[in-house]
Amino acid sequence: MTTTIIGVGNLGGTVARHLVNGGEAVALTAKDESRAQALANELGPLARAASVADAIDAADTVVLAVWLDPLREVLAEHAQRLDGKVVLDPTNPIGFENGQMIRTLPEGVSSSSVVRALLPAGAHYVKALGSLGATQWADTANQEPRVVLFYATDDEDAPATAQRLIRAAGFEPMDVGGLAAVGRMEGPGGDLQGRVLDLDGARAALTTEVTT
């Protein structure tokens, strides 16, 4: 099975490295094709570079590791190729202005809702891989006890794939409670975003927020 990663920036490149280290095959694609090829060369035989169309078509699972605004452009051209695929979305509605982090969507609107609306009905959507930033991935993968990466989905077929990839990357998966709770893992403002927690800590964090 191959996982395509669209985008090889800070998060996409980090996800690719961790998946390859965990034995997963990846196809890499980016607007700058030379960057995707350079990363594939670095990662070795489990990685290859391809065009967006070819990478999606060859994959079972696709990770949308692109900032939200350019992702809209990618999906405008390629969304129908995602029909029937498991789609992992790590996007957060954040940007930077004058060196400060800002929210790029209105309060109460999740990037998850924006991305889902751009996907075909047959895509198996999971919000995943974005509850920790790229630096946190590099610092905390494969710890004992393992650090949790949160995910959210309402799709019956997607959790097994998301869980497998999260574990291959060196983390422990935990469902936040479906897409109704997705705002908890999106930044800025989500109470679970960026929190480095083991399983016990993650369970406590989920319970505390629900009961207070």
Protein backbone atom coordinates (compact mmCIF):
# COMPACT_ATOMS: atom_id res chain seq x y z
CA MET A 1 0.00 0.00 0.00
CA THR A 2 1.21 3.49 -0.87
CA THR A 3 0.45 6.74 0.90
CA THR A 4 0.65 9.89 -1.21
CA ILE A 5 1.71 13.08 0.53
CA ILE A 6 0.75 16.28 -1.25
CA GLY A 7 3.19 18.90 -0.04
CA VAL A 8 6.73 18.39 1.25
CA GLY A 9 7.10 21.44 3.48
CA ASN A 10 7.68 21.33 7.23
CA LEU A 11 4.80 19.00 8.07
CA GLY A 12 4.60 17.03 4.83
CA GLY A 13 8.31 16.34 4.80
CA THR A 14 8.26 15.33 8.45
CA VAL A 15 5.29 13.00 7.93
CA ALA A 16 7.07 11.42 4.97
CA ARG A 17 10.25 10.78 6.96
CA HIS A 18 8.40 9.22 9.86
CA LEU A 19 6.24 6.99 7.66
CA VAL A 20 9.25 5.73 5.71
CA ASN A 21 11.09 5.10 8.98
CA GLY A 22 8.05 3.06 10.02
CA GLY A 23 8.20 0.95 6.86
CA GLU A 24 5.48 2.67 4.82
CA ALA A 25 5.83 3.37 1.09
CA VAL A 26 5.15 7.00 0.13
CA ALA A 27 4.64 8.94 -3.10
CA LEU A 28 5.64 12.60 -2.80
CA THR A 29 4.28 15.47 -4.83
CA ALA A 30 4.63 19.23 -4.57
CA LYS A 31 4.26 22.40 -6.61
CA ASP A 32 8.06 22.50 -6.76
CA GLU A 33 8.69 19.07 -8.25
CA SER A 34 12.43 19.30 -7.57
CA ARG A 35 11.77 19.45 -3.81
CA ALA A 36 9.64 16.32 -3.95
CA GLN A 37 12.32 14.53 -5.95
CA ALA A 38 15.09 15.65 -3.59
CA LEU A 39 13.18 14.36 -0.57
CA ALA A 40 12.40 11.07 -2.31
CA ASN A 41 16.10 10.65 -3.09
CA GLU A 42 16.94 11.33 0.55
CA LEU A 43 14.39 8.87 1.92
CA GLY A 44 15.40 5.96 -0.27
CA PRO A 45 13.59 3.09 -1.97
CA LEU A 46 10.31 3.40 -0.04
CA ALA A 47 9.81 6.92 -1.43
CA ARG A 48 9.26 8.22 -4.94
CA ALA A 49 8.28 11.53 -6.48
CA ALA A 50 5.41 11.92 -8.94
CA SER A 51 3.00 14.44 -10.39
CA VAL A 52 -0.08 15.19 -8.30
CA ALA A 53 -2.33 13.24 -10.64
CA ASP A 54 -0.06 10.20 -10.85
CA ALA A 55 0.62 10.20 -7.10
CA ILE A 56 -3.07 10.28 -6.21
CA ASP A 57 -4.00 7.63 -8.76
CA ALA A 58 -1.33 5.24 -7.45
CA ALA A 59 -2.25 5.67 -3.77
CA ASP A 60 -4.63 4.01 -1.35
CA THR A 61 -4.35 6.96 1.04
CA VAL A 62 -3.66 10.65 0.47
CA VAL A 63 -2.33 13.16 3.02
CA LEU A 64 -3.19 16.80 2.26
CA ALA A 65 -0.10 18.44 3.78
CA VAL A 66 -0.66 21.84 2.17
CA TRP A 67 -1.73 25.19 3.64
CA LEU A 68 -5.47 25.68 3.38
CA ASP A 69 -5.55 28.36 0.66
CA PRO A 70 -3.27 26.54 -1.83
CA LEU A 71 -5.07 23.31 -0.96
CA ARG A 72 -8.27 24.81 -2.37
CA GLU A 73 -6.48 25.16 -5.71
CA VAL A 74 -5.19 21.58 -5.61
CA LEU A 75 -8.64 20.20 -4.85
CA ALA A 76 -10.30 22.35 -7.50
CA GLU A 77 -8.23 20.44 -10.06
CA HIS A 78 -7.85 17.00 -8.53
CA ALA A 79 -10.73 16.38 -6.09
CA GLN A 80 -12.46 13.73 -8.21
CA ARG A 81 -9.30 11.61 -8.16
CA LEU A 82 -9.85 11.25 -4.40
CA ASP A 83 -13.13 9.41 -4.80
CA GLY A 84 -12.82 6.12 -2.92
CA LYS A 85 -9.49 7.07 -1.31
CA VAL A 86 -8.79 7.51 2.40
CA VAL A 87 -7.98 11.22 2.78
CA LEU A 88 -6.04 12.44 5.82
CA ASP A 89 -6.31 16.17 6.44
CA PRO A 90 -3.82 17.81 8.86
CA THR A 91 -4.72 21.41 7.95
CA ASN A 92 -5.28 24.10 10.53
CA PRO A 93 -6.91 27.50 9.86
CA ILE A 94 -3.77 29.44 10.71
CA GLY A 95 -1.61 32.00 8.96
CA PHE A 96 0.92 34.63 9.90
CA GLU A 97 0.63 38.39 9.75
CA ASN A 98 3.41 40.71 10.90
CA GLY A 99 5.08 37.75 12.53
CA GLN A 100 2.00 36.84 14.55
CA MET A 101 -0.17 33.75 14.18
CA ILE A 102 -3.70 34.57 13.04
CA ARG A 103 -6.87 32.58 12.40
CA THR A 104 -7.70 32.48 8.69
CA LEU A 105 -11.32 31.34 9.05
CA PRO A 106 -14.21 32.85 11.03
CA GLU A 107 -14.71 31.62 14.58
CA GLY A 108 -16.74 28.44 14.60
CA VAL A 109 -15.67 27.43 11.08
CA SER A 110 -13.18 24.56 11.02
CA SER A 111 -10.70 23.89 8.25
CA SER A 112 -12.12 20.36 8.35
CA SER A 113 -15.52 21.61 7.21
CA VAL A 114 -13.92 23.58 4.37
CA VAL A 115 -11.85 20.64 3.12
CA ARG A 116 -14.69 18.13 3.39
CA ALA A 117 -16.90 20.37 1.27
CA LEU A 118 -14.29 20.27 -1.50
CA LEU A 119 -14.01 16.46 -1.56
CA PRO A 120 -16.18 14.00 -3.48
CA ALA A 121 -18.83 12.19 -1.46
CA GLY A 122 -16.98 8.89 -1.89
CA ALA A 123 -13.77 10.04 -0.20
CA HIS A 124 -13.13 8.49 3.22
CA TYR A 125 -12.24 11.60 5.21
CA VAL A 126 -10.16 11.73 8.40
CA LYS A 127 -8.90 14.79 10.23
CA ALA A 128 -5.47 13.56 11.30
CA LEU A 129 -1.72 14.18 11.63
CA GLY A 130 -2.06 17.88 12.46
CA SER A 131 -2.71 17.96 16.21
CA LEU A 132 1.05 18.32 16.71
CA GLY A 133 3.36 20.57 14.72
CA ALA A 134 6.32 19.41 12.67
CA THR A 135 8.85 20.25 15.39
CA GLN A 136 6.80 18.33 17.96
CA TRP A 137 6.71 15.34 15.59
CA ALA A 138 10.48 15.35 15.34
CA ASP A 139 10.93 15.74 19.10
CA THR A 140 8.37 13.22 20.36
CA ALA A 141 8.00 10.33 17.89
CA ASN A 142 8.73 6.82 19.16
CA GLN A 143 8.87 7.83 22.81
CA GLU A 144 7.86 5.43 25.55
CA PRO A 145 5.13 5.82 26.56
CA ARG A 146 4.06 6.90 23.12
CA VAL A 147 2.73 10.40 22.50
CA VAL A 148 -0.83 10.67 21.17
CA LEU A 149 -1.81 12.03 17.78
CA PHE A 150 -5.51 12.84 17.75
CA TYR A 151 -7.78 12.12 14.83
CA ALA A 152 -11.46 12.58 14.02
CA THR A 153 -13.72 10.91 11.48
CA ASP A 154 -17.32 9.91 10.94
CA ASP A 155 -16.34 7.37 8.27
CA GLU A 156 -16.57 3.68 9.15
CA ASP A 157 -13.82 2.59 6.76
CA ALA A 158 -11.16 5.22 7.51
CA PRO A 159 -10.08 4.67 11.15
CA ALA A 160 -8.05 1.52 10.53
CA THR A 161 -5.88 3.28 7.96
CA ALA A 162 -5.43 6.38 10.08
CA GLN A 163 -4.49 4.30 13.11
CA ARG A 164 -1.99 2.23 11.12
CA LEU A 165 -0.21 5.27 9.73
CA ILE A 166 -0.15 7.09 13.07
CA ARG A 167 1.44 4.06 14.70
CA ALA A 168 3.92 3.64 11.84
CA ALA A 169 4.94 7.26 12.34
CA GLY A 170 5.77 6.57 15.99
CA PHE A 171 2.67 7.82 17.80
CA GLU A 172 -0.48 6.45 19.45
CA PRO A 173 -3.82 7.26 17.76
CA MET A 174 -6.81 8.56 19.67
CA ASP A 175 -10.22 9.59 18.34
CA VAL A 176 -11.44 12.92 19.74
CA GLY A 177 -15.04 11.83 19.34
CA GLY A 178 -15.87 12.20 15.66
CA LEU A 179 -16.00 15.27 13.48
CA ALA A 180 -18.38 17.03 15.86
CA ALA A 181 -15.35 17.49 18.13
CA VAL A 182 -12.82 18.35 15.41
CA GLY A 183 -12.43 21.94 16.64
CA ARG A 184 -10.69 20.62 19.74
CA MET A 185 -7.69 19.48 17.68
CA GLU A 186 -7.46 22.43 15.31
CA GLY A 187 -5.38 25.50 16.01
CA PRO A 188 -5.42 28.22 16.97
CA GLY A 189 -7.65 27.77 19.97
CA GLY A 190 -8.34 24.04 20.11
CA ASP A 191 -7.67 22.76 23.63
CA LEU A 192 -5.92 19.63 22.28
CA GLN A 193 -3.86 21.34 19.60
CA GLY A 194 -0.13 21.13 20.26
CA ARG A 195 -0.46 19.19 23.51
CA VAL A 196 2.13 16.48 24.05
CA LEU A 197 0.26 13.77 25.95
CA ASP A 198 0.57 10.04 26.51
CA LEU A 199 -2.55 7.86 26.47
CA ASP A 200 -3.44 8.49 30.10
CA GLY A 201 -2.96 12.22 29.70
CA ALA A 202 -4.98 12.29 26.50
CA ARG A 203 -7.87 10.39 28.08
CA ALA A 204 -7.84 12.79 31.01
CA ALA A 205 -7.79 15.81 28.70
CA LEU A 206 -10.78 14.54 26.73
CA THR A 207 -12.76 13.75 29.87
CA THR A 208 -11.91 17.01 31.62
CA GLU A 209 -13.06 19.15 28.72
CA VAL A 210 -16.33 17.24 28.35
CA THR A 211 -17.28 17.40 32.02
CA THR A 212 -16.31 20.97 32.90
